[in-house]
Protein backbone atom coordinates (compact mmCIF):
# COMPACT_ATOMS: atom_id res chain seq x y z
CA UNK A 1 113.05 93.37 85.31
CA UNK A 2 109.48 92.99 84.12
CA UNK A 3 108.25 94.36 80.81
CA UNK A 4 105.01 96.12 79.95
CA UNK A 5 102.85 94.74 77.14
CA UNK A 6 100.39 96.87 75.16
CA UNK A 7 98.01 95.52 72.51
CA UNK A 8 96.86 97.84 69.73
CA UNK A 9 93.08 97.69 69.18
CA UNK A 10 93.70 99.11 65.68
CA UNK A 11 95.84 96.36 64.17
CA UNK A 12 96.33 93.76 66.92
CA UNK A 13 100.06 94.38 67.12
CA UNK A 14 101.77 93.82 70.45
CA UNK A 15 104.01 96.62 71.70
CA UNK A 16 106.81 96.05 74.24
CA UNK A 17 107.59 99.72 74.99
CA UNK A 18 110.40 98.93 77.44
CA UNK A 19 112.30 97.24 74.59
CA UNK A 20 111.11 99.57 71.81
CA UNK A 21 109.74 96.48 70.02
CA UNK A 22 106.45 95.91 68.21
CA UNK A 23 105.45 92.28 67.59
CA UNK A 24 103.72 91.69 64.31
CA UNK A 25 104.47 89.50 61.33
CA UNK A 26 108.25 89.30 61.08
CA UNK A 27 111.32 87.14 61.28
CA UNK A 28 111.94 84.73 64.13
CA UNK A 29 115.58 85.79 64.58
CA UNK A 30 114.64 89.39 65.41
CA UNK A 31 112.48 88.24 68.32
CA UNK A 32 115.00 85.64 69.51
CA UNK A 33 117.80 88.21 69.73
CA UNK A 34 115.73 90.99 71.31
CA UNK A 35 114.02 88.75 73.91
CA UNK A 36 116.96 86.37 74.61
CA UNK A 37 117.24 87.12 78.33
CA UNK A 38 113.51 86.39 78.82
CA UNK A 39 113.59 83.06 76.95
CA UNK A 40 112.23 79.88 78.52
CA UNK A 41 113.02 77.81 75.43
CA UNK A 42 112.07 76.96 71.88
CA UNK A 43 110.39 73.86 70.53
CA UNK A 44 111.04 73.10 66.85
CA UNK A 45 108.39 70.74 65.49
CA UNK A 46 110.50 69.81 62.45
CA UNK A 47 107.76 70.75 59.98
CA UNK A 48 108.51 74.46 59.60
CA UNK A 49 106.61 75.37 62.79
CA UNK A 50 108.36 76.35 66.02
CA UNK A 51 107.21 77.87 69.29
CA UNK A 52 109.33 80.10 71.53
CA UNK A 53 108.32 80.85 75.13
CA UNK A 54 109.27 83.90 77.18
CA UNK A 55 108.60 85.04 80.76
CA UNK A 56 109.04 88.20 82.83
CA UNK A 57 106.28 90.38 81.41
CA UNK A 58 103.50 92.45 83.00
CA UNK A 59 100.07 92.70 81.33
CA UNK A 60 97.57 95.04 83.00
CA UNK A 61 99.55 94.76 86.25
CA UNK A 62 99.67 90.94 86.31
CA UNK A 63 102.60 88.59 85.72
CA UNK A 64 102.52 87.27 82.17
CA UNK A 65 104.37 84.92 79.85
CA UNK A 66 104.13 84.82 76.08
CA UNK A 67 104.65 82.12 73.49
CA UNK A 68 105.35 83.06 69.90
CA UNK A 69 104.46 80.64 67.09
CA UNK A 70 106.47 80.79 63.86
CA UNK A 71 105.80 79.12 60.53
CA UNK A 72 108.82 79.19 58.19
CA UNK A 73 110.37 81.76 60.62
CA UNK A 74 107.41 84.17 60.23
CA UNK A 75 105.43 85.11 63.36
CA UNK A 76 101.94 83.65 63.00
CA UNK A 77 100.66 83.29 66.61
CA UNK A 78 101.02 84.98 69.98
CA UNK A 79 99.76 83.21 73.11
CA UNK A 80 99.56 84.89 76.53
CA UNK A 81 99.59 83.22 79.93
CA UNK A 82 98.59 85.48 82.82
CA UNK A 83 98.93 84.55 86.50
CA UNK A 84 95.65 85.47 88.21
CA UNK A 85 96.97 85.60 91.74
CA UNK A 86 94.54 86.29 94.59
CA UNK A 87 91.54 86.19 92.26
CA UNK A 88 88.24 84.67 93.41
CA UNK A 89 86.84 82.13 90.97
């Protein structure tokens, strides 16, 4: 199963409508539980910062992965990786 991602131009929040989940500032555990089956792993830096990676998303029709950065278990960063298959460079 792939999941749609929508980004709000109003507040920058990320909506995962297939999971009824909106990503914004929040607790790490909520995201870990909701996205568990899409997890690629978590890296804990030991200084209060950790990064969790997930795959199996679709952004504007292209395969996408996301990485969520947490500081003291609060979401502070969202990184997207999109596979640009069959694109001319």
